[in-house]
Amino acid sequence: MSKTLVAYFSASGVTKSVAERLAKTAGADLFEIEPAKPYTAADLNWNDKNSRSTLETNDPTCRPAIASKPLELDEYSTIYLGFPIWWYVAPAIIKTFLESQSFAGKKIVLFATSGGSGMGKTAKVLEASTPGATIVPGAILNGASDAELKQFVARNRS
């Protein structure tokens, strides 16, 4: 149980790019959290109170379905979990992912991309979805250089 995984959800491709670079830097496996129903540009329109992303963010019980098959987590000790920040929190699909299987005993290092929101209370909110796991608040990695990614990985080694 010493391998590292980078799991990510990317609505527009920005988080995917960071996740791919982070996985390469960390020597980690890569896993995409794919929604069963892909998000459209209209779904992601944060100016629209009725857009899918806004409605999901405002509903604490929302758990969007995942198309990706569950992972075999036994071999991983550290999981970098990436996503775009939506209104200072992780998208609801991240809770779906975390609640889909046990992460007990795992170290989960959060990373995000954002158009302007900070991480807020993301780590605290996600703790309820991962009993027995250790969540590390991590960082916003928009435009992170290779050197910054190396520093991020070094700070979060098991």
N, C-alpha and C. Protein backbone atom coordinates (compact mmCIF):
# COMPACT_ATOMS: atom_id res chain seq x y z
N MET A 1 0.84 -1.20 0.00
CA MET A 1 0.00 0.00 0.00
C MET A 1 0.88 1.25 0.00
N SER A 2 1.67 1.44 -1.02
CA SER A 2 2.53 2.61 -1.04
C SER A 2 2.45 3.41 -2.33
N LYS A 3 1.52 3.04 -3.19
CA LYS A 3 1.40 3.77 -4.44
C LYS A 3 0.61 5.06 -4.23
N THR A 4 0.76 5.95 -5.19
CA THR A 4 0.08 7.24 -5.16
C THR A 4 -0.86 7.33 -6.35
N LEU A 5 -2.01 7.95 -6.12
CA LEU A 5 -3.03 8.12 -7.15
C LEU A 5 -3.39 9.59 -7.26
N VAL A 6 -3.60 10.06 -8.48
CA VAL A 6 -4.20 11.36 -8.71
C VAL A 6 -5.57 11.09 -9.33
N ALA A 7 -6.62 11.40 -8.57
CA ALA A 7 -8.00 11.27 -9.05
C ALA A 7 -8.53 12.69 -9.24
N TYR A 8 -9.26 12.90 -10.31
CA TYR A 8 -9.73 14.26 -10.57
C TYR A 8 -11.06 14.28 -11.31
N PHE A 9 -11.78 15.38 -11.11
CA PHE A 9 -12.97 15.70 -11.89
C PHE A 9 -12.66 17.02 -12.58
N SER A 10 -12.90 17.08 -13.88
CA SER A 10 -12.66 18.30 -14.63
C SER A 10 -13.87 18.59 -15.50
N ALA A 11 -14.49 19.72 -15.27
CA ALA A 11 -15.68 20.08 -16.04
C ALA A 11 -15.32 20.71 -17.38
N SER A 12 -14.19 21.43 -17.44
CA SER A 12 -13.86 22.16 -18.66
C SER A 12 -12.48 21.82 -19.23
N GLY A 13 -11.73 20.96 -18.55
CA GLY A 13 -10.40 20.60 -19.02
C GLY A 13 -9.27 21.24 -18.25
N VAL A 14 -9.53 22.28 -17.48
CA VAL A 14 -8.47 22.97 -16.75
C VAL A 14 -7.90 22.06 -15.65
N THR A 15 -8.77 21.45 -14.87
CA THR A 15 -8.31 20.57 -13.79
C THR A 15 -7.62 19.33 -14.37
N LYS A 16 -8.11 18.85 -15.49
CA LYS A 16 -7.49 17.68 -16.13
C LYS A 16 -6.03 17.97 -16.45
N SER A 17 -5.75 19.12 -17.01
CA SER A 17 -4.38 19.49 -17.37
C SER A 17 -3.47 19.50 -16.14
N VAL A 18 -3.95 20.09 -15.05
CA VAL A 18 -3.16 20.13 -13.82
C VAL A 18 -2.96 18.72 -13.28
N ALA A 19 -4.03 17.91 -13.29
CA ALA A 19 -3.96 16.54 -12.76
C ALA A 19 -2.95 15.71 -13.54
N GLU A 20 -2.94 15.83 -14.84
CA GLU A 20 -1.98 15.06 -15.65
C GLU A 20 -0.55 15.45 -15.31
N ARG A 21 -0.30 16.73 -15.16
CA ARG A 21 1.05 17.20 -14.82
C ARG A 21 1.44 16.78 -13.40
N LEU A 22 0.47 16.84 -12.47
CA LEU A 22 0.72 16.44 -11.10
C LEU A 22 1.04 14.95 -11.02
N ALA A 23 0.28 14.13 -11.75
CA ALA A 23 0.53 12.68 -11.75
C ALA A 23 1.94 12.38 -12.26
N LYS A 24 2.33 13.07 -13.30
CA LYS A 24 3.68 12.86 -13.85
C LYS A 24 4.74 13.27 -12.82
N THR A 25 4.53 14.40 -12.18
CA THR A 25 5.48 14.89 -11.18
C THR A 25 5.59 13.95 -9.99
N ALA A 26 4.44 13.41 -9.55
CA ALA A 26 4.41 12.55 -8.37
C ALA A 26 4.69 11.09 -8.68
N GLY A 27 4.79 10.75 -9.97
CA GLY A 27 4.96 9.35 -10.34
C GLY A 27 3.73 8.53 -9.94
N ALA A 28 2.57 9.14 -10.11
CA ALA A 28 1.31 8.56 -9.64
C ALA A 28 0.47 8.02 -10.78
N ASP A 29 -0.43 7.11 -10.44
CA ASP A 29 -1.45 6.67 -11.38
C ASP A 29 -2.47 7.78 -11.52
N LEU A 30 -3.23 7.76 -12.60
CA LEU A 30 -4.20 8.81 -12.89
C LEU A 30 -5.58 8.21 -13.09
N PHE A 31 -6.60 8.84 -12.50
CA PHE A 31 -7.97 8.36 -12.61
C PHE A 31 -8.90 9.55 -12.79
N GLU A 32 -9.71 9.52 -13.85
CA GLU A 32 -10.67 10.60 -14.09
C GLU A 32 -12.03 10.21 -13.51
N ILE A 33 -12.60 11.10 -12.73
CA ILE A 33 -13.95 10.94 -12.20
C ILE A 33 -14.88 11.53 -13.25
N GLU A 34 -15.54 10.66 -13.99
CA GLU A 34 -16.38 11.10 -15.10
C GLU A 34 -17.85 11.09 -14.71
N PRO A 35 -18.55 12.20 -14.94
CA PRO A 35 -19.98 12.21 -14.62
C PRO A 35 -20.76 11.36 -15.62
N ALA A 36 -21.81 10.70 -15.14
CA ALA A 36 -22.65 9.91 -16.03
C ALA A 36 -23.30 10.83 -17.07
N LYS A 37 -23.62 12.04 -16.67
CA LYS A 37 -24.18 13.04 -17.57
C LYS A 37 -23.17 14.19 -17.65
N PRO A 38 -22.43 14.28 -18.78
CA PRO A 38 -21.42 15.34 -18.90
C PRO A 38 -22.02 16.75 -18.73
N TYR A 39 -21.20 17.64 -18.24
CA TYR A 39 -21.62 19.03 -18.05
C TYR A 39 -21.46 19.81 -19.34
N THR A 40 -22.45 20.62 -19.65
CA THR A 40 -22.40 21.52 -20.81
C THR A 40 -21.96 22.90 -20.34
N ALA A 41 -21.70 23.79 -21.27
CA ALA A 41 -21.36 25.17 -20.92
C ALA A 41 -22.50 25.81 -20.14
N ALA A 42 -23.73 25.54 -20.55
CA ALA A 42 -24.90 26.09 -19.84
C ALA A 42 -24.97 25.56 -18.41
N ASP A 43 -24.61 24.30 -18.22
CA ASP A 43 -24.61 23.71 -16.87
C ASP A 43 -23.62 24.41 -15.95
N LEU A 44 -22.56 24.94 -16.52
CA LEU A 44 -21.48 25.55 -15.74
C LEU A 44 -21.60 27.07 -15.62
N ASN A 45 -22.68 27.65 -16.10
CA ASN A 45 -22.87 29.10 -16.08
C ASN A 45 -23.19 29.57 -14.66
N TRP A 46 -22.17 30.00 -13.94
CA TRP A 46 -22.35 30.41 -12.55
C TRP A 46 -23.19 31.68 -12.41
N ASN A 47 -23.42 32.41 -13.51
CA ASN A 47 -24.29 33.59 -13.46
C ASN A 47 -25.77 33.23 -13.49
N ASP A 48 -26.07 31.99 -13.81
CA ASP A 48 -27.45 31.52 -13.91
C ASP A 48 -27.83 30.77 -12.63
N LYS A 49 -28.76 31.32 -11.86
CA LYS A 49 -29.19 30.71 -10.60
C LYS A 49 -29.79 29.32 -10.81
N ASN A 50 -30.20 29.03 -12.03
CA ASN A 50 -30.83 27.74 -12.33
C ASN A 50 -29.92 26.79 -13.11
N SER A 51 -28.64 27.14 -13.24
CA SER A 51 -27.73 26.23 -13.94
C SER A 51 -27.51 24.99 -13.09
N ARG A 52 -27.15 23.91 -13.74
CA ARG A 52 -26.94 22.63 -13.04
C ARG A 52 -25.90 22.76 -11.93
N SER A 53 -24.78 23.42 -12.20
CA SER A 53 -23.73 23.54 -11.19
C SER A 53 -24.20 24.34 -9.99
N THR A 54 -24.98 25.38 -10.21
CA THR A 54 -25.50 26.18 -9.11
C THR A 54 -26.49 25.38 -8.29
N LEU A 55 -27.39 24.70 -8.95
CA LEU A 55 -28.40 23.89 -8.23
C LEU A 55 -27.73 22.78 -7.43
N GLU A 56 -26.74 22.11 -8.02
CA GLU A 56 -26.03 21.04 -7.30
C GLU A 56 -25.29 21.58 -6.08
N THR A 57 -24.66 22.73 -6.23
CA THR A 57 -23.92 23.34 -5.13
C THR A 57 -24.84 23.72 -3.98
N ASN A 58 -26.03 24.18 -4.32
CA ASN A 58 -26.97 24.63 -3.29
C ASN A 58 -27.77 23.50 -2.65
N ASP A 59 -27.62 22.27 -3.13
CA ASP A 59 -28.36 21.14 -2.57
C ASP A 59 -27.37 20.20 -1.88
N PRO A 60 -27.31 20.25 -0.54
CA PRO A 60 -26.32 19.42 0.18
C PRO A 60 -26.54 17.91 0.02
N THR A 61 -27.70 17.50 -0.45
CA THR A 61 -27.97 16.07 -0.64
C THR A 61 -27.65 15.59 -2.06
N CYS A 62 -27.30 16.50 -2.93
CA CYS A 62 -27.04 16.15 -4.33
C CYS A 62 -25.80 15.26 -4.46
N ARG A 63 -25.94 14.17 -5.20
CA ARG A 63 -24.84 13.26 -5.49
C ARG A 63 -24.94 12.84 -6.95
N PRO A 64 -24.37 13.63 -7.88
CA PRO A 64 -24.42 13.28 -9.30
C PRO A 64 -23.79 11.92 -9.56
N ALA A 65 -24.40 11.17 -10.45
CA ALA A 65 -23.90 9.83 -10.78
C ALA A 65 -22.56 9.91 -11.49
N ILE A 66 -21.75 8.88 -11.25
CA ILE A 66 -20.43 8.77 -11.87
C ILE A 66 -20.45 7.66 -12.91
N ALA A 67 -19.88 7.94 -14.08
CA ALA A 67 -19.79 6.93 -15.14
C ALA A 67 -18.58 6.02 -14.94
N SER A 68 -17.55 6.56 -14.29
CA SER A 68 -16.31 5.80 -14.07
C SER A 68 -16.58 4.58 -13.18
N LYS A 69 -15.86 3.51 -13.45
CA LYS A 69 -15.95 2.32 -12.59
C LYS A 69 -15.19 2.58 -11.29
N PRO A 70 -15.62 1.96 -10.19
CA PRO A 70 -14.89 2.14 -8.92
C PRO A 70 -13.44 1.66 -9.04
N LEU A 71 -12.61 2.25 -8.24
CA LEU A 71 -11.18 1.90 -8.20
C LEU A 71 -10.91 0.82 -7.17
N GLU A 72 -9.83 0.11 -7.36
CA GLU A 72 -9.29 -0.77 -6.33
C GLU A 72 -8.28 0.07 -5.56
N LEU A 73 -8.62 0.43 -4.34
CA LEU A 73 -7.81 1.39 -3.58
C LEU A 73 -6.76 0.76 -2.67
N ASP A 74 -6.78 -0.55 -2.52
CA ASP A 74 -5.89 -1.21 -1.56
C ASP A 74 -4.42 -0.82 -1.72
N GLU A 75 -3.96 -0.65 -2.94
CA GLU A 75 -2.54 -0.40 -3.17
C GLU A 75 -2.12 1.06 -2.98
N TYR A 76 -3.08 1.96 -2.75
CA TYR A 76 -2.77 3.38 -2.64
C TYR A 76 -2.77 3.85 -1.19
N SER A 77 -1.74 4.60 -0.82
CA SER A 77 -1.71 5.20 0.51
C SER A 77 -2.01 6.69 0.45
N THR A 78 -1.63 7.32 -0.65
CA THR A 78 -1.87 8.75 -0.83
C THR A 78 -2.68 8.96 -2.11
N ILE A 79 -3.72 9.78 -1.98
CA ILE A 79 -4.57 10.10 -3.12
C ILE A 79 -4.65 11.61 -3.23
N TYR A 80 -4.18 12.13 -4.34
CA TYR A 80 -4.37 13.55 -4.64
C TYR A 80 -5.73 13.63 -5.32
N LEU A 81 -6.61 14.47 -4.80
CA LEU A 81 -7.97 14.58 -5.31
C LEU A 81 -8.19 16.00 -5.82
N GLY A 82 -8.42 16.11 -7.15
CA GLY A 82 -8.54 17.42 -7.77
C GLY A 82 -9.90 17.69 -8.36
N PHE A 83 -10.23 18.97 -8.40
CA PHE A 83 -11.54 19.41 -8.89
C PHE A 83 -11.53 20.93 -9.06
N PRO A 84 -12.47 21.45 -9.84
CA PRO A 84 -12.64 22.90 -9.87
C PRO A 84 -13.39 23.33 -8.61
N ILE A 85 -13.11 24.49 -8.10
CA ILE A 85 -13.85 25.03 -6.96
C ILE A 85 -15.11 25.71 -7.49
N TRP A 86 -16.24 25.34 -6.92
CA TRP A 86 -17.52 25.97 -7.26
C TRP A 86 -18.05 26.62 -6.00
N TRP A 87 -18.04 27.93 -5.96
CA TRP A 87 -18.56 28.68 -4.82
C TRP A 87 -17.89 28.24 -3.51
N TYR A 88 -16.58 28.19 -3.52
CA TYR A 88 -15.76 27.88 -2.34
C TYR A 88 -15.86 26.44 -1.84
N VAL A 89 -16.42 25.54 -2.63
CA VAL A 89 -16.50 24.13 -2.24
C VAL A 89 -16.23 23.24 -3.44
N ALA A 90 -16.01 21.96 -3.18
CA ALA A 90 -15.85 20.98 -4.25
C ALA A 90 -17.21 20.70 -4.88
N PRO A 91 -17.25 20.39 -6.17
CA PRO A 91 -18.50 19.99 -6.80
C PRO A 91 -19.09 18.75 -6.12
N ALA A 92 -20.39 18.62 -6.15
CA ALA A 92 -21.09 17.51 -5.48
C ALA A 92 -20.59 16.14 -5.95
N ILE A 93 -20.14 16.04 -7.18
CA ILE A 93 -19.66 14.74 -7.69
C ILE A 93 -18.45 14.24 -6.90
N ILE A 94 -17.73 15.12 -6.24
CA ILE A 94 -16.60 14.70 -5.41
C ILE A 94 -17.12 13.93 -4.19
N LYS A 95 -18.24 14.37 -3.63
CA LYS A 95 -18.84 13.62 -2.53
C LYS A 95 -19.31 12.24 -3.03
N THR A 96 -19.88 12.20 -4.23
CA THR A 96 -20.29 10.92 -4.80
C THR A 96 -19.10 9.98 -4.86
N PHE A 97 -17.98 10.47 -5.36
CA PHE A 97 -16.76 9.67 -5.48
C PHE A 97 -16.28 9.19 -4.11
N LEU A 98 -16.19 10.09 -3.16
CA LEU A 98 -15.68 9.72 -1.84
C LEU A 98 -16.60 8.74 -1.11
N GLU A 99 -17.89 8.86 -1.33
CA GLU A 99 -18.86 8.00 -0.65
C GLU A 99 -19.08 6.67 -1.37
N SER A 100 -18.45 6.50 -2.54
CA SER A 100 -18.67 5.29 -3.33
C SER A 100 -17.88 4.09 -2.81
N GLN A 101 -16.90 4.34 -1.95
CA GLN A 101 -16.09 3.27 -1.38
C GLN A 101 -15.33 3.79 -0.17
N SER A 102 -14.68 2.91 0.55
CA SER A 102 -13.98 3.31 1.76
C SER A 102 -12.59 3.87 1.45
N PHE A 103 -12.32 5.02 2.05
CA PHE A 103 -11.00 5.64 1.96
C PHE A 103 -10.32 5.60 3.34
N ALA A 104 -10.83 4.78 4.24
CA ALA A 104 -10.28 4.67 5.59
C ALA A 104 -8.79 4.34 5.51
N GLY A 105 -8.00 5.06 6.30
CA GLY A 105 -6.57 4.84 6.34
C GLY A 105 -5.80 5.52 5.23
N LYS A 106 -6.49 6.19 4.32
CA LYS A 106 -5.82 6.87 3.20
C LYS A 106 -5.56 8.34 3.54
N LYS A 107 -4.53 8.87 2.94
CA LYS A 107 -4.25 10.30 3.01
C LYS A 107 -4.77 10.91 1.71
N ILE A 108 -5.70 11.85 1.83
CA ILE A 108 -6.28 12.49 0.65
C ILE A 108 -5.83 13.95 0.64
N VAL A 109 -5.05 14.28 -0.37
CA VAL A 109 -4.52 15.64 -0.52
C VAL A 109 -5.35 16.35 -1.58
N LEU A 110 -6.04 17.39 -1.18
CA LEU A 110 -6.90 18.12 -2.11
C LEU A 110 -6.09 19.10 -2.95
N PHE A 111 -6.49 19.23 -4.20
CA PHE A 111 -5.98 20.31 -5.04
C PHE A 111 -7.12 20.76 -5.94
N ALA A 112 -7.07 22.01 -6.32
CA ALA A 112 -8.18 22.56 -7.09
C ALA A 112 -7.70 23.57 -8.11
N THR A 113 -8.60 23.87 -9.02
CA THR A 113 -8.43 24.98 -9.94
C THR A 113 -9.62 25.90 -9.69
N SER A 114 -9.44 27.17 -9.97
CA SER A 114 -10.51 28.10 -9.66
C SER A 114 -10.39 29.35 -10.51
N GLY A 115 -11.55 29.87 -10.87
CA GLY A 115 -11.59 31.13 -11.59
C GLY A 115 -11.56 32.32 -10.64
N GLY A 116 -11.55 32.08 -9.35
CA GLY A 116 -11.51 33.19 -8.40
C GLY A 116 -11.82 32.80 -6.97
N SER A 117 -12.53 31.71 -6.75
CA SER A 117 -12.86 31.28 -5.40
C SER A 117 -11.66 30.58 -4.77
N GLY A 118 -11.52 30.74 -3.46
CA GLY A 118 -10.52 29.99 -2.72
C GLY A 118 -11.10 28.64 -2.30
N MET A 119 -10.33 27.87 -1.56
CA MET A 119 -10.76 26.55 -1.10
C MET A 119 -11.85 26.63 -0.03
N GLY A 120 -11.97 27.77 0.63
CA GLY A 120 -13.00 27.91 1.65
C GLY A 120 -12.92 26.80 2.68
N LYS A 121 -14.05 26.19 2.98
CA LYS A 121 -14.13 25.10 3.97
C LYS A 121 -14.22 23.75 3.29
N THR A 122 -13.67 23.64 2.09
CA THR A 122 -13.78 22.41 1.31
C THR A 122 -13.31 21.19 2.08
N ALA A 123 -12.15 21.25 2.69
CA ALA A 123 -11.61 20.09 3.41
C ALA A 123 -12.56 19.68 4.54
N LYS A 124 -13.04 20.64 5.29
CA LYS A 124 -13.94 20.35 6.41
C LYS A 124 -15.24 19.73 5.91
N VAL A 125 -15.78 20.25 4.84
CA VAL A 125 -17.04 19.73 4.28
C VAL A 125 -16.86 18.28 3.81
N LEU A 126 -15.72 17.97 3.20
CA LEU A 126 -15.50 16.63 2.65
C LEU A 126 -15.18 15.58 3.71
N GLU A 127 -14.79 15.99 4.90
CA GLU A 127 -14.46 15.03 5.95
C GLU A 127 -15.61 14.07 6.24
N ALA A 128 -16.84 14.56 6.21
CA ALA A 128 -18.01 13.71 6.49
C ALA A 128 -18.18 12.61 5.44
N SER A 129 -17.64 12.81 4.26
CA SER A 129 -17.77 11.82 3.18
C SER A 129 -16.66 10.78 3.19
N THR A 130 -15.67 10.94 4.09
CA THR A 130 -14.52 10.04 4.10
C THR A 130 -14.13 9.61 5.52
N PRO A 131 -15.02 8.91 6.22
CA PRO A 131 -14.66 8.50 7.58
C PRO A 131 -13.39 7.65 7.59
N GLY A 132 -12.51 7.99 8.52
CA GLY A 132 -11.28 7.22 8.67
C GLY A 132 -10.13 7.66 7.78
N ALA A 133 -10.39 8.59 6.88
CA ALA A 133 -9.33 9.12 6.01
C ALA A 133 -8.78 10.41 6.60
N THR A 134 -7.58 10.75 6.21
CA THR A 134 -6.99 12.03 6.60
C THR A 134 -7.05 12.94 5.39
N ILE A 135 -7.73 14.07 5.54
CA ILE A 135 -7.82 15.02 4.43
C ILE A 135 -6.87 16.18 4.68
N VAL A 136 -6.04 16.44 3.68
CA VAL A 136 -5.09 17.55 3.72
C VAL A 136 -5.66 18.64 2.82
N PRO A 137 -5.83 19.87 3.35
CA PRO A 137 -6.46 20.93 2.56
C PRO A 137 -5.83 21.22 1.21
N GLY A 138 -4.52 21.03 1.04
CA GLY A 138 -3.89 21.20 -0.26
C GLY A 138 -3.83 22.63 -0.72
N ALA A 139 -4.08 22.84 -2.03
CA ALA A 139 -3.89 24.17 -2.59
C ALA A 139 -4.62 24.33 -3.92
N ILE A 140 -4.78 25.58 -4.30
CA ILE A 140 -5.24 25.94 -5.64
C ILE A 140 -3.99 25.87 -6.52
N LEU A 141 -4.07 25.13 -7.62
CA LEU A 141 -2.89 24.94 -8.47
C LEU A 141 -3.05 25.54 -9.86
N ASN A 142 -3.86 26.56 -10.01
CA ASN A 142 -3.97 27.24 -11.30
C ASN A 142 -2.60 27.71 -11.77
N GLY A 143 -2.25 27.36 -12.96
CA GLY A 143 -1.01 27.86 -13.54
C GLY A 143 0.25 27.48 -12.78
N ALA A 144 0.19 26.43 -11.97
CA ALA A 144 1.38 26.02 -11.21
C ALA A 144 2.49 25.60 -12.16
N SER A 145 3.69 26.08 -11.86
CA SER A 145 4.86 25.69 -12.65
C SER A 145 5.27 24.28 -12.27
N ASP A 146 6.17 23.69 -13.04
CA ASP A 146 6.68 22.37 -12.70
C ASP A 146 7.37 22.40 -11.34
N ALA A 147 8.10 23.46 -11.06
CA ALA A 147 8.79 23.59 -9.78
C ALA A 147 7.77 23.66 -8.63
N GLU A 148 6.69 24.39 -8.83
CA GLU A 148 5.65 24.49 -7.79
C GLU A 148 4.96 23.15 -7.57
N LEU A 149 4.74 22.39 -8.64
CA LEU A 149 4.14 21.06 -8.49
C LEU A 149 5.09 20.14 -7.72
N LYS A 150 6.39 20.22 -8.00
CA LYS A 150 7.36 19.41 -7.27
C LYS A 150 7.35 19.77 -5.78
N GLN A 151 7.26 21.05 -5.46
CA GLN A 151 7.20 21.49 -4.07
C GLN A 151 5.92 20.98 -3.40
N PHE A 152 4.80 21.04 -4.12
CA PHE A 152 3.51 20.57 -3.61
C PHE A 152 3.59 19.08 -3.27
N VAL A 153 4.17 18.30 -4.17
CA VAL A 153 4.31 16.87 -3.94
C VAL A 153 5.25 16.61 -2.76
N ALA A 154 6.36 17.32 -2.71
CA ALA A 154 7.32 17.14 -1.61
C ALA A 154 6.69 17.45 -0.25
N ARG A 155 5.85 18.47 -0.19
CA ARG A 155 5.17 18.84 1.08
C ARG A 155 4.17 17.78 1.50
N ASN A 156 3.67 17.00 0.57
CA ASN A 156 2.57 16.07 0.87
C ASN A 156 2.94 14.61 0.74
N ARG A 157 4.21 14.28 0.71
CA ARG A 157 4.65 12.88 0.66
C ARG A 157 4.19 12.17 1.92
N SER A 158 3.89 10.89 1.79
CA SER A 158 3.45 10.10 2.95
C SER A 158 4.55 9.94 3.96
